[in-house]
Amino acid sequence: MLRTFQHWKELLASLVPDAGIMQWHKTWVLKNGSNSPIYADWRRLRGHPRARYAAIWCAIMCMKELGITREFDFDLIADIPTGVTPVVANIAYELGIPQVTPHPPKDHGTGTTIEGIYQPGQRVVVWDDVATSGGSIITGIQILSDEGLDVLKDVFVMMDREQGAADKLAEKGYILHSVFTADSLLNYFNEHGQIEPEKFAELMAYLHPGQGAQTTADAAATRTVTV
């Protein structure tokens, strides 16, 4: 698959509204307990094969853009369940690499904290669907590390809400990379008439507190939109 990262990003961005991944019709409670007028539900990729296919290649090309390749940099790929799980499963298939999934210990079955087959010392690259505060990613990394796996310092998500996760991960020595930011997707939707102007201004003000809805929206309108 020789198409560029930008090609796959633009294709996926164009499919996100139809797949219902980005939602802004009510207020949601996020995993970190905060309220948000915007929600990204990447689990919906399960029901939209074309968007899922684009997401798979966005993820693969995102890693390749940084020079991270299967042959030299990692032995395993980990998904922070469950939003990104189908994407990571397909990346694992495309690259011919084992998948592992960290999770809290269970009080039944094997009691394992990592699903999959692995050996201590193997290098693992981590993917999540959305980064907000970074808590889920940090927990997953800790579980993988506790089992003796060597977690790559480059960590990936489909979308960064830019609300503190990158800083929290940096404190732990990790660098957060994203296919999209919430800001970039909203600007794309605004440019292509897929969101009402008033709602766009409201959401941009939420993402950029202190700037004011109209000021933020006007600034966004003057930028060249690239996802």
Protein backbone atom coordinates (compact mmCIF):
# COMPACT_ATOMS: atom_id res chain seq x y z
CA MET A 1 0.00 0.00 0.00
CA LEU A 2 1.98 2.96 -1.35
CA ARG A 3 -0.39 5.88 -0.75
CA THR A 4 0.79 8.62 1.57
CA PHE A 5 -0.05 9.28 5.19
CA GLN A 6 -1.84 12.47 4.12
CA HIS A 7 -3.97 10.53 1.64
CA TRP A 8 -5.17 8.14 4.35
CA LYS A 9 -5.77 10.95 6.83
CA GLU A 10 -7.94 12.89 4.41
CA LEU A 11 -9.89 9.77 3.49
CA LEU A 12 -10.51 8.86 7.12
CA ALA A 13 -11.45 12.44 8.05
CA SER A 14 -14.03 12.43 5.25
CA LEU A 15 -15.54 9.20 6.60
CA VAL A 16 -15.59 10.11 10.30
CA PRO A 17 -18.96 11.97 10.20
CA ASP A 18 -20.70 9.17 8.28
CA ALA A 19 -19.35 6.61 10.74
CA GLY A 20 -20.61 8.72 13.64
CA ILE A 21 -17.21 8.72 15.34
CA MET A 22 -17.22 12.41 16.28
CA GLN A 23 -20.35 13.46 18.19
CA TRP A 24 -21.33 16.87 19.54
CA HIS A 25 -25.10 16.81 20.11
CA LYS A 26 -24.99 16.59 23.93
CA THR A 27 -22.64 16.64 26.94
CA TRP A 28 -20.66 13.51 27.73
CA VAL A 29 -18.83 12.39 30.86
CA LEU A 30 -15.31 11.28 29.93
CA LYS A 31 -13.36 8.46 31.55
CA ASN A 32 -11.37 10.99 33.61
CA GLY A 33 -14.65 12.30 35.08
CA SER A 34 -14.78 15.62 33.22
CA ASN A 35 -17.72 16.83 31.12
CA SER A 36 -17.24 17.40 27.41
CA PRO A 37 -19.44 18.77 24.60
CA ILE A 38 -17.55 16.62 22.11
CA TYR A 39 -16.97 12.87 22.08
CA ALA A 40 -14.92 10.64 19.80
CA ASP A 41 -16.21 7.07 19.69
CA TRP A 42 -13.64 5.11 17.69
CA ARG A 43 -15.42 1.86 18.65
CA ARG A 44 -17.82 2.71 15.83
CA LEU A 45 -15.11 1.70 13.34
CA ARG A 46 -16.33 -1.85 13.94
CA GLY A 47 -19.46 -1.03 11.95
CA HIS A 48 -17.83 0.93 9.14
CA PRO A 49 -15.37 -1.25 7.18
CA ARG A 50 -14.15 1.50 4.85
CA ALA A 51 -13.37 3.88 7.71
CA ARG A 52 -11.71 1.05 9.62
CA TYR A 53 -9.52 0.24 6.63
CA ALA A 54 -8.47 3.89 6.33
CA ALA A 55 -7.76 4.00 10.08
CA ILE A 56 -5.51 0.94 9.82
CA TRP A 57 -3.39 2.55 7.12
CA CYS A 58 -3.38 5.91 8.91
CA ALA A 59 -1.89 4.15 11.91
CA ILE A 60 0.69 2.22 9.91
CA MET A 61 1.77 5.31 7.97
CA CYS A 62 1.87 7.40 11.16
CA MET A 63 4.52 5.06 12.53
CA LYS A 64 6.39 4.94 9.23
CA GLU A 65 6.48 8.74 9.09
CA LEU A 66 8.57 8.60 12.26
CA GLY A 67 10.79 5.87 10.87
CA ILE A 68 9.34 3.26 13.23
CA THR A 69 9.22 -0.05 11.39
CA ARG A 70 8.43 -3.63 12.24
CA GLU A 71 11.87 -4.89 11.24
CA PHE A 72 13.94 -2.66 13.52
CA ASP A 73 11.88 -1.09 16.27
CA PHE A 74 9.31 -3.41 17.84
CA ASP A 75 8.36 -7.04 18.34
CA LEU A 76 4.77 -6.57 19.56
CA ILE A 77 1.94 -4.09 19.18
CA ALA A 78 -0.34 -3.32 22.14
CA ASP A 79 -3.85 -1.91 22.16
CA ILE A 80 -5.29 -0.06 25.15
CA PRO A 81 -8.77 -1.61 25.04
CA THR A 82 -11.22 -1.32 23.56
CA GLY A 83 -11.71 1.59 21.16
CA VAL A 84 -8.56 0.97 19.12
CA THR A 85 -8.60 -2.84 19.42
CA PRO A 86 -9.94 -3.65 15.91
CA VAL A 87 -7.45 -1.22 14.35
CA VAL A 88 -4.50 -2.76 16.20
CA ALA A 89 -5.69 -6.28 15.39
CA ASN A 90 -5.61 -5.42 11.70
CA ILE A 91 -2.24 -3.67 11.97
CA ALA A 92 -0.89 -6.83 13.59
CA TYR A 93 -2.24 -8.84 10.67
CA GLU A 94 -0.89 -6.48 8.00
CA LEU A 95 2.58 -6.33 9.57
CA GLY A 96 2.72 -9.96 10.65
CA ILE A 97 3.33 -9.06 14.27
CA PRO A 98 1.81 -10.40 17.51
CA GLN A 99 -0.75 -8.29 19.35
CA VAL A 100 -0.95 -7.97 23.13
CA THR A 101 -3.60 -6.28 25.25
CA PRO A 102 -2.90 -5.02 28.79
CA HIS A 103 -5.76 -4.84 31.27
CA PRO A 104 -6.37 -4.88 35.04
CA PRO A 105 -6.10 -8.34 36.66
CA LYS A 106 -9.21 -10.53 36.63
CA ASP A 107 -10.43 -12.66 39.49
CA HIS A 108 -11.30 -15.56 37.19
CA GLY A 109 -9.67 -17.64 34.45
CA THR A 110 -5.92 -17.27 34.14
CA GLY A 111 -5.81 -13.99 36.05
CA THR A 112 -3.38 -12.59 33.49
CA THR A 113 -2.91 -8.85 33.01
CA ILE A 114 -1.82 -9.16 29.37
CA GLU A 115 -3.70 -11.05 26.67
CA GLY A 116 -1.50 -12.54 23.98
CA ILE A 117 1.83 -14.34 23.70
CA TYR A 118 4.99 -12.51 24.69
CA GLN A 119 8.39 -12.84 26.31
CA PRO A 120 10.02 -10.44 28.80
CA GLY A 121 12.42 -8.10 27.04
CA GLN A 122 10.40 -7.85 23.83
CA ARG A 123 9.84 -4.35 22.48
CA VAL A 124 6.24 -3.18 22.27
CA VAL A 125 4.62 -0.16 20.62
CA VAL A 126 1.44 1.12 22.28
CA TRP A 127 -1.73 2.44 20.62
CA ASP A 128 -4.88 3.96 22.14
CA ASP A 129 -7.92 5.52 20.49
CA VAL A 130 -8.13 8.90 22.28
CA ALA A 131 -5.78 10.76 24.60
CA THR A 132 -7.34 13.16 27.10
CA SER A 133 -5.50 13.14 30.41
CA GLY A 134 -3.33 10.15 29.50
CA GLY A 135 -4.38 8.02 32.47
CA SER A 136 -5.42 4.93 30.52
CA ILE A 137 -2.25 4.97 28.45
CA ILE A 138 -0.03 5.32 31.50
CA THR A 139 -1.85 2.46 33.24
CA GLY A 140 -1.43 0.24 30.18
CA ILE A 141 2.27 1.09 29.90
CA GLN A 142 2.76 0.24 33.57
CA ILE A 143 1.11 -3.16 33.15
CA LEU A 144 3.29 -3.96 30.14
CA SER A 145 6.43 -2.79 31.93
CA ASP A 146 5.59 -4.77 35.07
CA GLU A 147 5.57 -7.93 32.95
CA GLY A 148 9.07 -7.18 31.66
CA LEU A 149 8.20 -5.73 28.26
CA ASP A 150 10.23 -2.85 26.82
CA VAL A 151 7.72 -0.13 25.87
CA LEU A 152 8.81 2.17 23.05
CA LYS A 153 9.09 5.81 24.07
CA ASP A 154 6.90 6.79 21.10
CA VAL A 155 3.22 6.23 21.99
CA PHE A 156 0.38 6.58 19.49
CA VAL A 157 -3.31 7.50 19.47
CA MET A 158 -5.90 8.00 16.76
CA MET A 159 -6.88 11.37 18.25
CA ASP A 160 -5.30 13.68 20.82
CA ARG A 161 -7.76 16.03 22.53
CA GLU A 162 -4.72 18.13 23.58
CA GLN A 163 -5.95 18.36 27.16
CA GLY A 164 -2.89 17.30 29.09
CA ALA A 165 -2.03 13.75 27.99
CA ALA A 166 1.14 14.73 26.13
CA ASP A 167 2.51 16.52 29.17
CA LYS A 168 1.64 13.67 31.53
CA LEU A 169 3.33 11.16 29.24
CA ALA A 170 6.36 13.42 28.83
CA GLU A 171 6.77 13.41 32.61
CA LYS A 172 7.13 9.63 32.34
CA GLY A 173 9.59 9.88 29.45
CA TYR A 174 7.18 9.11 26.60
CA ILE A 175 6.34 11.09 23.46
CA LEU A 176 2.72 11.18 22.30
CA HIS A 177 1.96 11.06 18.57
CA SER A 178 -1.51 11.26 17.03
CA VAL A 179 -3.10 10.69 13.66
CA PHE A 180 -5.43 13.62 14.36
CA THR A 181 -6.09 16.25 17.00
CA ALA A 182 -9.65 17.19 17.92
CA ASP A 183 -8.83 20.67 16.65
CA SER A 184 -7.67 19.44 13.23
CA LEU A 185 -10.76 17.27 12.71
CA LEU A 186 -13.17 20.04 13.69
CA ASN A 187 -11.42 22.44 11.33
CA TYR A 188 -11.70 19.87 8.55
CA PHE A 189 -15.44 19.44 9.22
CA ASN A 190 -15.93 23.21 9.26
CA GLU A 191 -14.04 23.63 5.99
CA HIS A 192 -16.21 20.98 4.34
CA GLY A 193 -19.56 22.16 5.74
CA GLN A 194 -20.02 19.13 8.00
CA ILE A 195 -20.65 21.12 11.20
CA GLU A 196 -22.84 24.14 11.91
CA PRO A 197 -20.81 27.39 12.29
CA GLU A 198 -22.29 28.10 15.72
CA LYS A 199 -21.46 24.62 17.00
CA PHE A 200 -17.96 24.85 15.53
CA ALA A 201 -17.36 28.13 17.40
CA GLU A 202 -18.69 26.60 20.63
CA LEU A 203 -16.47 23.54 20.39
CA MET A 204 -13.38 25.51 19.46
CA ALA A 205 -13.95 27.72 22.51
CA TYR A 206 -14.14 24.57 24.65
CA LEU A 207 -10.87 23.26 23.20
CA HIS A 208 -9.19 26.68 23.58
CA PRO A 209 -10.56 28.15 26.81
CA GLY A 210 -9.91 31.82 27.45
CA GLN A 211 -9.81 32.81 23.79
CA GLY A 212 -13.54 33.25 23.30
CA ALA A 213 -15.73 31.39 20.85
CA GLN A 214 -15.73 33.94 18.04
CA THR A 215 -12.03 34.79 18.32
CA THR A 216 -11.11 31.11 18.20
CA ALA A 217 -13.43 30.36 15.30
CA ASP A 218 -12.22 33.39 13.33
CA ALA A 219 -8.60 32.37 13.84
CA ALA A 220 -9.39 28.84 12.71
CA ALA A 221 -11.19 30.16 9.62
CA THR A 222 -8.07 31.99 8.45
CA ARG A 223 -5.85 28.89 8.61
CA THR A 224 -5.19 26.47 5.79
CA VAL A 225 -6.97 23.33 6.91
CA THR A 226 -4.96 20.13 6.90
CA VAL A 227 -5.90 17.12 8.96
